PDB file of N, CA and C in Angstrom:
ATOM      1  N   MET A   1      72.612  30.655  25.530  1.00  0.00           N
ATOM      2  CA  MET A   1      71.870  30.640  23.400  1.00  0.00           C
ATOM      3  C   MET A   1      70.599  30.818  24.141  1.00  0.00           C
ATOM      4  N   SER A   2      69.763  32.148  22.772  1.00  0.00           N
ATOM      5  CA  SER A   2      69.177  32.562  22.792  1.00  0.00           C
ATOM      6  C   SER A   2      68.284  31.579  22.261  1.00  0.00           C
ATOM      7  N   ALA A   3      67.231  32.237  22.423  1.00  0.00           N
ATOM      8  CA  ALA A   3      65.559  31.793  21.515  1.00  0.00           C
ATOM      9  C   ALA A   3      65.786  31.329  19.856  1.00  0.00           C
ATOM     10  N   GLU A   4      66.451  32.615  19.584  1.00  0.00           N
ATOM     11  CA  GLU A   4      66.528  32.276  18.107  1.00  0.00           C
ATOM     12  C   GLU A   4      67.778  31.314  17.677  1.00  0.00           C
ATOM     13  N   SER A   5      67.951  30.907  17.971  1.00  0.00           N
ATOM     14  CA  SER A   5      70.013  30.193  17.795  1.00  0.00           C
ATOM     15  C   SER A   5      69.153  29.251  18.396  1.00  0.00           C
ATOM     16  N   LEU A   6      68.997  29.031  19.235  1.00  0.00           N
ATOM     17  CA  LEU A   6      68.297  27.302  19.579  1.00  0.00           C
ATOM     18  C   LEU A   6      67.056  27.209  18.581  1.00  0.00           C
ATOM     19  N   ARG A   7      66.133  27.463  18.391  1.00  0.00           N
ATOM     20  CA  ARG A   7      65.007  27.495  17.097  1.00  0.00           C
ATOM     21  C   ARG A   7      65.621  26.858  16.197  1.00  0.00           C
ATOM     22  N   ARG A   8      66.827  27.863  15.986  1.00  0.00           N
ATOM     23  CA  ARG A   8      67.346  26.938  14.625  1.00  0.00           C
ATOM     24  C   ARG A   8      68.509  26.112  14.884  1.00  0.00           C
ATOM     25  N   ALA A   9      69.004  25.989  15.996  1.00  0.00           N
ATOM     26  CA  ALA A   9      69.771  24.415  16.034  1.00  0.00           C
ATOM     27  C   ALA A   9      68.585  23.887  16.953  1.00  0.00           C
ATOM     28  N   ARG A  10      67.324  23.794  16.426  1.00  0.00           N
ATOM     29  CA  ARG A  10      66.360  22.250  16.222  1.00  0.00           C
ATOM     30  C   ARG A  10      65.887  22.365  15.131  1.00  0.00           C
ATOM     31  N   ARG A  11      65.391  23.347  14.184  1.00  0.00           N
ATOM     32  CA  ARG A  11      65.691  22.655  12.860  1.00  0.00           C
ATOM     33  C   ARG A  11      66.485  22.112  12.581  1.00  0.00           C
ATOM     34  N   HIS A  12      67.797  22.628  12.767  1.00  0.00           N
ATOM     35  CA  HIS A  12      68.959  22.196  12.313  1.00  0.00           C
ATOM     36  C   HIS A  12      68.527  20.538  12.256  1.00  0.00           C
ATOM     37  N   ALA A  13      68.587  20.243  13.744  1.00  0.00           N
ATOM     38  CA  ALA A  13      68.945  18.784  14.111  1.00  0.00           C
ATOM     39  C   ALA A  13      67.494  18.309  13.047  1.00  0.00           C
ATOM     40  N   ALA A  14      66.101  18.703  12.828  1.00  0.00           N
ATOM     41  CA  ALA A  14      64.947  17.509  12.805  1.00  0.00           C
ATOM     42  C   ALA A  14      65.813  17.948  10.473  1.00  0.00           C
ATOM     43  N   ARG A  15      65.929  18.540  10.559  1.00  0.00           N
ATOM     44  CA  ARG A  15      66.370  17.727   8.572  1.00  0.00           C
ATOM     45  C   ARG A  15      67.606  17.172   8.774  1.00  0.00           C
ATOM     46  N   LEU A  16      68.792  17.297   9.742  1.00  0.00           N
ATOM     47  CA  LEU A  16      69.453  16.085   9.563  1.00  0.00           C
ATOM     48  C   LEU A  16      68.786  14.941   9.342  1.00  0.00           C
ATOM     49  N   HIS A  17      68.158  14.787  10.787  1.00  0.00           N
ATOM     50  CA  HIS A  17      67.421  13.447  11.511  1.00  0.00           C
ATOM     51  C   HIS A  17      66.795  12.575  10.364  1.00  0.00           C
ATOM     52  N   ARG A  18      65.810  13.583   9.034  1.00  0.00           N
ATOM     53  CA  ARG A  18      64.871  13.505   8.276  1.00  0.00           C
ATOM     54  C   ARG A  18      66.028  12.835   7.177  1.00  0.00           C
ATOM     55  N   THR A  19      67.508  13.439   6.744  1.00  0.00           N
ATOM     56  CA  THR A  19      68.072  13.374   5.894  1.00  0.00           C
ATOM     57  C   THR A  19      68.462  11.731   5.919  1.00  0.00           C
ATOM     58  N   ALA A  20      68.795  11.276   7.605  1.00  0.00           N
ATOM     59  CA  ALA A  20      69.735  10.055   7.517  1.00  0.00           C
ATOM     60  C   ALA A  20      68.415   9.315   7.991  1.00  0.00           C
ATOM     61  N   GLU A  21      67.020   9.050   7.991  1.00  0.00           N
ATOM     62  CA  GLU A  21      66.112   8.574   7.268  1.00  0.00           C
ATOM     63  C   GLU A  21      65.466   7.940   6.384  1.00  0.00           C
ATOM     64  N   SER A  22      65.590   9.561   5.700  1.00  0.00           N
ATOM     65  CA  SER A  22      65.579   8.979   3.960  1.00  0.00           C
ATOM     66  C   SER A  22      66.780   8.377   3.407  1.00  0.00           C
ATOM     67  N   ASP A  23      67.858   8.408   4.437  1.00  0.00           N
ATOM     68  CA  ASP A  23      69.206   7.885   3.354  1.00  0.00           C
ATOM     69  C   ASP A  23      68.975   6.199   3.469  1.00  0.00           C
ATOM     70  N   ARG A  24      68.692   6.031   4.869  1.00  0.00           N
ATOM     71  CA  ARG A  24      68.328   4.967   5.835  1.00  0.00           C
ATOM     72  C   ARG A  24      67.614   4.109   4.437  1.00  0.00           C
ATOM     73  N   LYS A  25      66.447   4.136   4.648  1.00  0.00           N
ATOM     74  CA  LYS A  25      65.019   3.923   3.687  1.00  0.00           C
ATOM     75  C   LYS A  25      66.238   3.645   1.783  1.00  0.00           C
ATOM     76  N   ASN A  26      66.688   5.047   1.346  1.00  0.00           N
ATOM     77  CA  ASN A  26      67.390   4.310   0.170  1.00  0.00           C
ATOM     78  C   ASN A  26      68.266   2.970   0.025  1.00  0.00           C
ATOM     79  N   ALA A  27      69.146   3.266   1.329  1.00  0.00           N
ATOM     80  CA  ALA A  27      69.777   2.200   1.167  1.00  0.00           C
ATOM     81  C   ALA A  27      68.693   0.774   0.921  1.00  0.00           C
ATOM     82  N   ALA A  28      68.534   0.357   2.183  1.00  0.00           N
ATOM     83  CA  ALA A  28      67.635  -0.717   1.998  1.00  0.00           C
ATOM     84  C   ALA A  28      66.694  -0.876   0.689  1.00  0.00           C
ATOM     85  N   ALA A  29      65.821   0.354   0.108  1.00  0.00           N
ATOM     86  CA  ALA A  29      65.583  -0.350  -1.203  1.00  0.00           C
ATOM     87  C   ALA A  29      66.446  -0.939  -2.029  1.00  0.00           C
ATOM     88  N   ALA A  30      67.364   0.221  -2.119  1.00  0.00           N
ATOM     89  CA  ALA A  30      68.658  -0.285  -2.849  1.00  0.00           C
ATOM     90  C   ALA A  30      69.715  -1.739  -2.727  1.00  0.00           C
ATOM     91  N   LEU A  31      69.922  -2.245  -1.346  1.00  0.00           N
ATOM     92  CA  LEU A  31      69.463  -3.821  -1.311  1.00  0.00           C
ATOM     93  C   LEU A  31      68.699  -4.501  -1.867  1.00  0.00           C
ATOM     94  N   GLN A  32      67.029  -3.855  -1.257  1.00  0.00           N
ATOM     95  CA  GLN A  32      66.636  -4.780  -1.876  1.00  0.00           C
ATOM     96  C   GLN A  32      66.171  -5.368  -3.027  1.00  0.00           C
ATOM     97  N   ARG A  33      66.992  -3.883  -4.442  1.00  0.00           N
ATOM     98  CA  ARG A  33      66.606  -4.800  -5.319  1.00  0.00           C
ATOM     99  C   ARG A  33      67.997  -4.913  -6.484  1.00  0.00           C
ATOM    100  N   ALA A  34      68.938  -4.958  -5.277  1.00  0.00           N
ATOM    101  CA  ALA A  34      69.993  -5.345  -5.310  1.00  0.00           C
ATOM    102  C   ALA A  34      69.363  -7.266  -5.267  1.00  0.00           C
ATOM    103  N   LEU A  35      69.082  -7.595  -4.082  1.00  0.00           N
ATOM    104  CA  LEU A  35      68.870  -9.112  -4.807  1.00  0.00           C
ATOM    105  C   LEU A  35      67.802  -9.751  -5.169  1.00  0.00           C
ATOM    106  N   ASP A  36      66.516  -8.918  -5.449  1.00  0.00           N
ATOM    107  CA  ASP A  36      65.713  -9.119  -5.832  1.00  0.00           C
ATOM    108  C   ASP A  36      66.202  -9.566  -7.571  1.00  0.00           C
ATOM    109  N   ARG A  37      67.359  -8.526  -7.553  1.00  0.00           N
ATOM    110  CA  ARG A  37      68.134  -9.224  -9.304  1.00  0.00           C
ATOM    111  C   ARG A  37      69.145 -10.474  -8.604  1.00  0.00           C
ATOM    112  N   ARG A  38      69.759 -10.880  -8.281  1.00  0.00           N
ATOM    113  CA  ARG A  38      70.244 -11.576  -8.311  1.00  0.00           C
ATOM    114  C   ARG A  38      70.035 -12.735  -8.132  1.00  0.00           C
ATOM    115  N   ASP A  39      68.412 -13.073  -7.267  1.00  0.00           N
ATOM    116  CA  ASP A  39      67.542 -13.805  -7.204  1.00  0.00           C
ATOM    117  C   ASP A  39      66.673 -14.367  -8.397  1.00  0.00           C
ATOM    118  N   ASN A  40      66.828 -13.049  -9.353  1.00  0.00           N
ATOM    119  CA  ASN A  40      65.948 -13.529 -10.858  1.00  0.00           C
ATOM    120  C   ASN A  40      66.702 -13.510 -11.524  1.00  0.00           C
ATOM    121  N   GLY A  41      67.806 -13.541 -11.231  1.00  0.00           N
ATOM    122  CA  GLY A  41      68.808 -13.819 -12.582  1.00  0.00           C
ATOM    123  C   GLY A  41      68.835 -12.638 -13.076  1.00  0.00           C
ATOM    124  N   GLY A  42      68.858 -11.921 -12.969  1.00  0.00           N
ATOM    125  CA  GLY A  42      69.346 -10.426 -13.557  1.00  0.00           C
ATOM    126  C   GLY A  42      67.781  -9.649 -14.048  1.00  0.00           C
ATOM    127  N   SER A  43      67.041 -10.957 -14.292  1.00  0.00           N
ATOM    128  CA  SER A  43      65.228  -9.596 -15.390  1.00  0.00           C
ATOM    129  C   SER A  43      65.314  -8.875 -14.020  1.00  0.00           C
ATOM    130  N   ALA A  44      64.885  -7.873 -14.287  1.00  0.00           N
ATOM    131  CA  ALA A  44      64.436  -6.518 -13.695  1.00  0.00           C
ATOM    132  C   ALA A  44      62.931  -7.170 -13.579  1.00  0.00           C
ATOM    133  N   GLY A  45      62.440  -6.928 -11.954  1.00  0.00           N
ATOM    134  CA  GLY A  45      61.410  -7.132 -11.936  1.00  0.00           C
ATOM    135  C   GLY A  45      61.288  -8.559 -12.049  1.00  0.00           C
TER     136      GLY A  45
END
Protein backbone atom coordinates (compact mmCIF):
# COMPACT_ATOMS: atom_id res chain seq x y z
CA MET A 1 0.00 0.00 0.00
CA SER A 2 1.44 3.36 -0.96
CA ALA A 3 1.85 6.19 1.53
CA GLU A 4 -0.88 8.23 -0.16
CA SER A 5 -3.49 5.46 -0.05
CA LEU A 6 -2.53 4.73 3.55
CA ARG A 7 -3.16 8.37 4.48
CA ARG A 8 -6.47 8.29 2.63
CA ALA A 9 -7.55 5.08 4.40
CA ARG A 10 -6.65 6.48 7.81
CA ARG A 11 -8.57 9.68 7.13
CA HIS A 12 -11.58 7.67 5.95
CA ALA A 13 -11.52 5.48 9.07
CA ALA A 14 -11.43 8.56 11.30
CA ARG A 15 -14.44 10.00 9.52
CA LEU A 16 -16.35 6.73 9.93
CA HIS A 17 -15.59 6.65 13.65
CA ARG A 18 -16.69 10.26 14.09
CA THR A 19 -19.97 9.55 12.27
CA ALA A 20 -20.70 6.44 14.32
CA GLU A 21 -19.96 8.35 17.52
CA SER A 22 -22.33 11.20 16.63
CA ASP A 23 -25.01 8.71 15.55
CA ARG A 24 -24.72 7.01 18.93
CA LYS A 25 -25.04 10.35 20.75
CA ASN A 26 -28.03 11.34 18.62
CA ALA A 27 -29.72 8.03 19.35
CA ALA A 28 -29.09 8.43 23.08
CA ALA A 29 -30.50 11.97 23.02
CA ALA A 30 -33.59 10.86 21.08
CA LEU A 31 -34.17 8.02 23.54
CA GLN A 32 -33.81 10.42 26.48
CA ARG A 33 -36.33 12.83 24.93
CA ALA A 34 -38.78 9.98 24.39
CA LEU A 35 -38.43 8.87 28.00
CA ASP A 36 -38.83 12.45 29.23
CA ARG A 37 -42.02 12.86 27.18
CA ARG A 38 -43.41 9.63 28.59
CA ASP A 39 -42.54 10.61 32.17
CA ASN A 40 -43.98 14.10 31.73
CA GLY A 41 -47.28 12.88 30.36
CA GLY A 42 -46.59 14.24 26.88
CA SER A 43 -45.67 17.82 27.77
CA ALA A 44 -42.43 19.09 26.24
CA GLY A 45 -39.72 19.85 28.76
